[in-house]
């Protein structure tokens, strides 16, 4: 379980730059949430947001920062990537 509070900052992702973006910041985690990661990046529909916040992808789309309102994940044995605004 994770405790989440809204935070606001500038989010830069490659050439994308969104100022004053609101996101959920994990402020505490219970011991059973023992995953090793640097963070979570919400890519779900806004209705699934546990904190009731607009996910960053939807903010990028609303601000017309994307070439297309699409994203894709590429996963492989040696790593993966996330493309925003295009599908390779």
N, C-alpha and C. Protein backbone atom coordinates (compact mmCIF):
# COMPACT_ATOMS: atom_id res chain seq x y z
N UNK A 1 0.84 -1.17 0.00
CA UNK A 1 0.00 0.00 0.00
C UNK A 1 0.89 1.24 0.00
N UNK A 2 0.45 2.26 -0.69
CA UNK A 2 1.23 3.49 -0.82
C UNK A 2 0.37 4.67 -0.42
N UNK A 3 0.95 5.59 0.37
CA UNK A 3 0.27 6.84 0.67
C UNK A 3 0.65 7.86 -0.39
N UNK A 4 -0.34 8.48 -1.01
CA UNK A 4 -0.08 9.41 -2.13
C UNK A 4 -0.64 10.78 -1.80
N UNK A 5 0.17 11.79 -2.08
CA UNK A 5 -0.26 13.18 -1.95
C UNK A 5 0.01 13.90 -3.27
N UNK A 6 -0.84 14.85 -3.64
CA UNK A 6 -0.59 15.60 -4.87
C UNK A 6 0.61 16.53 -4.72
N UNK A 7 1.44 16.57 -5.75
CA UNK A 7 2.58 17.48 -5.82
C UNK A 7 2.54 18.16 -7.18
N UNK A 8 3.26 19.24 -7.31
CA UNK A 8 3.28 19.98 -8.58
C UNK A 8 4.73 20.35 -8.91
N UNK A 9 5.08 20.18 -10.20
CA UNK A 9 6.44 20.47 -10.64
C UNK A 9 6.43 20.58 -12.15
N UNK A 10 7.60 20.85 -12.74
CA UNK A 10 7.78 20.81 -14.19
C UNK A 10 8.20 19.39 -14.55
N UNK A 11 7.54 18.80 -15.53
CA UNK A 11 7.86 17.45 -15.97
C UNK A 11 8.46 17.52 -17.37
N UNK A 12 9.69 17.03 -17.48
CA UNK A 12 10.36 16.98 -18.79
C UNK A 12 10.56 15.53 -19.15
N UNK A 13 10.14 15.17 -20.35
CA UNK A 13 10.28 13.81 -20.86
C UNK A 13 10.78 13.94 -22.29
N UNK A 14 12.06 13.78 -22.51
CA UNK A 14 12.63 14.01 -23.83
C UNK A 14 12.43 15.47 -24.19
N UNK A 15 11.78 15.72 -25.31
CA UNK A 15 11.53 17.09 -25.75
C UNK A 15 10.24 17.67 -25.17
N UNK A 16 9.46 16.86 -24.46
CA UNK A 16 8.22 17.35 -23.85
C UNK A 16 8.54 18.10 -22.57
N UNK A 17 7.82 19.18 -22.36
CA UNK A 17 8.04 20.01 -21.18
C UNK A 17 6.70 20.55 -20.73
N UNK A 18 6.23 20.11 -19.57
CA UNK A 18 4.94 20.56 -19.05
C UNK A 18 5.17 21.21 -17.69
N UNK A 19 4.86 22.49 -17.60
CA UNK A 19 5.07 23.21 -16.35
C UNK A 19 3.84 23.09 -15.46
N UNK A 20 4.08 23.12 -14.17
CA UNK A 20 3.01 23.07 -13.16
C UNK A 20 2.12 21.85 -13.30
N UNK A 21 2.71 20.72 -13.64
CA UNK A 21 1.94 19.49 -13.77
C UNK A 21 1.71 18.91 -12.37
N UNK A 22 0.51 18.44 -12.11
CA UNK A 22 0.18 17.84 -10.83
C UNK A 22 0.29 16.33 -10.96
N UNK A 23 0.92 15.70 -10.00
CA UNK A 23 1.11 14.26 -10.02
C UNK A 23 1.02 13.73 -8.61
N UNK A 24 0.80 12.42 -8.49
CA UNK A 24 0.75 11.78 -7.18
C UNK A 24 2.14 11.41 -6.71
N UNK A 25 2.51 11.89 -5.56
CA UNK A 25 3.83 11.58 -4.98
C UNK A 25 3.65 10.58 -3.85
N UNK A 26 4.38 9.47 -3.93
CA UNK A 26 4.33 8.48 -2.86
C UNK A 26 5.08 9.04 -1.66
N UNK A 27 4.36 9.23 -0.57
CA UNK A 27 4.98 9.82 0.62
C UNK A 27 5.28 8.79 1.70
N UNK A 28 4.66 7.64 1.62
CA UNK A 28 4.99 6.54 2.53
C UNK A 28 4.50 5.23 1.93
N UNK A 29 5.19 4.16 2.29
CA UNK A 29 4.83 2.84 1.78
C UNK A 29 4.84 1.85 2.94
N UNK A 30 3.89 0.94 2.93
CA UNK A 30 3.87 -0.09 3.94
C UNK A 30 4.91 -1.15 3.59
N UNK A 31 5.38 -1.92 4.56
CA UNK A 31 6.43 -2.92 4.31
C UNK A 31 6.07 -3.95 3.24
N UNK A 32 4.78 -4.23 3.04
CA UNK A 32 4.40 -5.22 2.03
C UNK A 32 4.56 -4.69 0.60
N UNK A 33 4.81 -3.39 0.45
CA UNK A 33 5.04 -2.80 -0.86
C UNK A 33 6.55 -2.69 -1.04
N UNK A 34 7.18 -3.84 -1.29
CA UNK A 34 8.65 -3.90 -1.25
C UNK A 34 9.30 -3.96 -2.63
N UNK A 35 8.60 -3.48 -3.65
CA UNK A 35 9.17 -3.50 -5.00
C UNK A 35 10.37 -2.56 -5.08
N UNK A 36 11.34 -2.92 -5.90
CA UNK A 36 12.50 -2.06 -6.11
C UNK A 36 12.30 -1.29 -7.42
N UNK A 37 12.14 0.01 -7.30
CA UNK A 37 11.91 0.85 -8.46
C UNK A 37 12.27 2.28 -8.11
N UNK A 38 12.39 3.12 -9.14
CA UNK A 38 12.67 4.53 -8.93
C UNK A 38 11.39 5.34 -8.77
N UNK A 39 10.29 4.83 -9.28
CA UNK A 39 9.03 5.56 -9.20
C UNK A 39 7.98 4.93 -10.08
N UNK A 40 6.80 5.47 -10.02
CA UNK A 40 5.68 5.03 -10.84
C UNK A 40 5.30 6.17 -11.77
N UNK A 41 4.94 5.84 -12.98
CA UNK A 41 4.52 6.87 -13.94
C UNK A 41 3.13 6.48 -14.42
N UNK A 42 2.12 7.18 -13.94
CA UNK A 42 0.73 6.82 -14.23
C UNK A 42 0.39 6.89 -15.70
N UNK A 43 0.02 5.76 -16.28
CA UNK A 43 -0.37 5.70 -17.68
C UNK A 43 -1.81 5.18 -17.84
N UNK A 44 -2.54 5.08 -16.76
CA UNK A 44 -3.90 4.54 -16.83
C UNK A 44 -4.89 5.65 -17.20
N UNK A 45 -6.14 5.26 -17.34
CA UNK A 45 -7.20 6.23 -17.57
C UNK A 45 -7.40 7.07 -16.31
N UNK A 46 -7.78 8.33 -16.44
CA UNK A 46 -7.98 9.18 -15.27
C UNK A 46 -8.95 8.57 -14.25
N UNK A 47 -9.95 7.86 -14.70
CA UNK A 47 -10.93 7.27 -13.78
C UNK A 47 -10.30 6.21 -12.87
N UNK A 48 -9.11 5.71 -13.22
CA UNK A 48 -8.43 4.71 -12.40
C UNK A 48 -7.42 5.31 -11.43
N UNK A 49 -7.26 6.62 -11.45
CA UNK A 49 -6.30 7.27 -10.58
C UNK A 49 -6.74 7.15 -9.13
N UNK A 50 -5.90 6.55 -8.30
CA UNK A 50 -6.25 6.38 -6.89
C UNK A 50 -6.29 7.71 -6.14
N UNK A 51 -5.58 8.71 -6.65
CA UNK A 51 -5.56 10.02 -6.01
C UNK A 51 -6.49 11.01 -6.70
N UNK A 52 -7.20 10.57 -7.75
CA UNK A 52 -8.11 11.45 -8.47
C UNK A 52 -7.41 12.50 -9.31
N UNK A 53 -6.17 12.22 -9.72
CA UNK A 53 -5.38 13.17 -10.50
C UNK A 53 -5.34 12.78 -11.97
N UNK A 54 -5.12 13.77 -12.83
CA UNK A 54 -4.97 13.51 -14.26
C UNK A 54 -3.59 12.91 -14.51
N UNK A 55 -3.52 11.74 -15.14
CA UNK A 55 -2.21 11.14 -15.43
C UNK A 55 -1.39 12.03 -16.38
N UNK A 56 -0.05 12.01 -16.25
CA UNK A 56 0.80 12.88 -17.08
C UNK A 56 0.54 12.76 -18.58
N UNK A 57 0.30 11.55 -19.08
CA UNK A 57 0.05 11.40 -20.52
C UNK A 57 -1.16 12.23 -20.95
N UNK A 58 -2.22 12.22 -20.16
CA UNK A 58 -3.42 12.97 -20.49
C UNK A 58 -3.16 14.48 -20.40
N UNK A 59 -2.31 14.89 -19.47
CA UNK A 59 -1.94 16.30 -19.39
C UNK A 59 -1.18 16.71 -20.64
N UNK A 60 -0.21 15.88 -21.07
CA UNK A 60 0.51 16.17 -22.31
C UNK A 60 -0.46 16.31 -23.49
N UNK A 61 -1.42 15.40 -23.58
CA UNK A 61 -2.38 15.43 -24.68
C UNK A 61 -3.25 16.69 -24.61
N UNK A 62 -3.75 17.00 -23.42
CA UNK A 62 -4.61 18.18 -23.25
C UNK A 62 -3.86 19.46 -23.60
N UNK A 63 -2.57 19.51 -23.30
CA UNK A 63 -1.75 20.68 -23.61
C UNK A 63 -1.22 20.66 -25.05
N UNK A 64 -1.66 19.66 -25.83
CA UNK A 64 -1.28 19.52 -27.24
C UNK A 64 0.24 19.48 -27.42
N UNK A 65 0.92 18.74 -26.55
CA UNK A 65 2.36 18.59 -26.63
C UNK A 65 2.78 17.36 -27.44
N UNK A 66 1.83 16.52 -27.82
CA UNK A 66 2.13 15.28 -28.53
C UNK A 66 1.78 15.39 -30.01
N UNK A 67 2.53 14.69 -30.85
CA UNK A 67 2.18 14.64 -32.28
C UNK A 67 0.90 13.87 -32.49
N UNK A 68 0.66 12.87 -31.67
CA UNK A 68 -0.57 12.07 -31.71
C UNK A 68 -0.85 11.63 -30.27
N UNK A 69 -2.10 11.43 -29.94
CA UNK A 69 -2.46 11.00 -28.59
C UNK A 69 -2.33 9.48 -28.49
N UNK A 70 -1.09 9.03 -28.59
CA UNK A 70 -0.77 7.60 -28.56
C UNK A 70 0.47 7.39 -27.71
N UNK A 71 0.57 6.20 -27.14
CA UNK A 71 1.82 5.80 -26.50
C UNK A 71 2.02 4.32 -26.71
N UNK A 72 3.26 3.88 -26.59
CA UNK A 72 3.53 2.45 -26.74
C UNK A 72 4.68 2.06 -25.83
N UNK A 73 4.64 0.81 -25.39
CA UNK A 73 5.71 0.22 -24.62
C UNK A 73 6.39 -0.82 -25.49
N UNK A 74 7.70 -0.86 -25.47
CA UNK A 74 8.47 -1.91 -26.11
C UNK A 74 9.29 -2.57 -25.02
N UNK A 75 9.08 -3.85 -24.81
CA UNK A 75 9.78 -4.59 -23.77
C UNK A 75 10.66 -5.65 -24.39
N UNK A 76 11.83 -5.84 -23.83
CA UNK A 76 12.75 -6.86 -24.34
C UNK A 76 13.62 -7.40 -23.24
N UNK A 77 14.42 -8.40 -23.57
CA UNK A 77 15.30 -9.01 -22.58
C UNK A 77 16.35 -8.05 -22.05
N UNK A 78 16.75 -7.08 -22.85
CA UNK A 78 17.82 -6.18 -22.42
C UNK A 78 17.30 -4.80 -22.02
N UNK A 79 16.00 -4.66 -21.85
CA UNK A 79 15.44 -3.37 -21.44
C UNK A 79 14.15 -3.07 -22.17
N UNK A 80 13.71 -1.86 -22.08
CA UNK A 80 12.47 -1.47 -22.73
C UNK A 80 12.44 0.03 -22.95
N UNK A 81 11.35 0.49 -23.55
CA UNK A 81 11.19 1.91 -23.78
C UNK A 81 9.73 2.28 -23.82
N UNK A 82 9.48 3.53 -23.57
CA UNK A 82 8.15 4.09 -23.64
C UNK A 82 8.18 5.23 -24.64
N UNK A 83 7.35 5.15 -25.66
CA UNK A 83 7.24 6.23 -26.66
C UNK A 83 5.93 6.98 -26.42
N UNK A 84 6.01 8.30 -26.35
CA UNK A 84 4.83 9.15 -26.19
C UNK A 84 4.60 9.93 -27.46
N UNK A 85 3.36 9.94 -27.94
CA UNK A 85 3.01 10.72 -29.12
C UNK A 85 3.27 10.02 -30.44
N UNK A 86 3.65 8.74 -30.38
CA UNK A 86 3.88 7.98 -31.61
C UNK A 86 3.92 6.50 -31.25
N UNK A 87 3.73 5.71 -32.27
CA UNK A 87 3.88 4.27 -32.14
C UNK A 87 4.94 3.85 -33.15
N UNK A 88 6.08 3.31 -32.67
CA UNK A 88 7.16 2.98 -33.62
C UNK A 88 6.77 1.84 -34.56
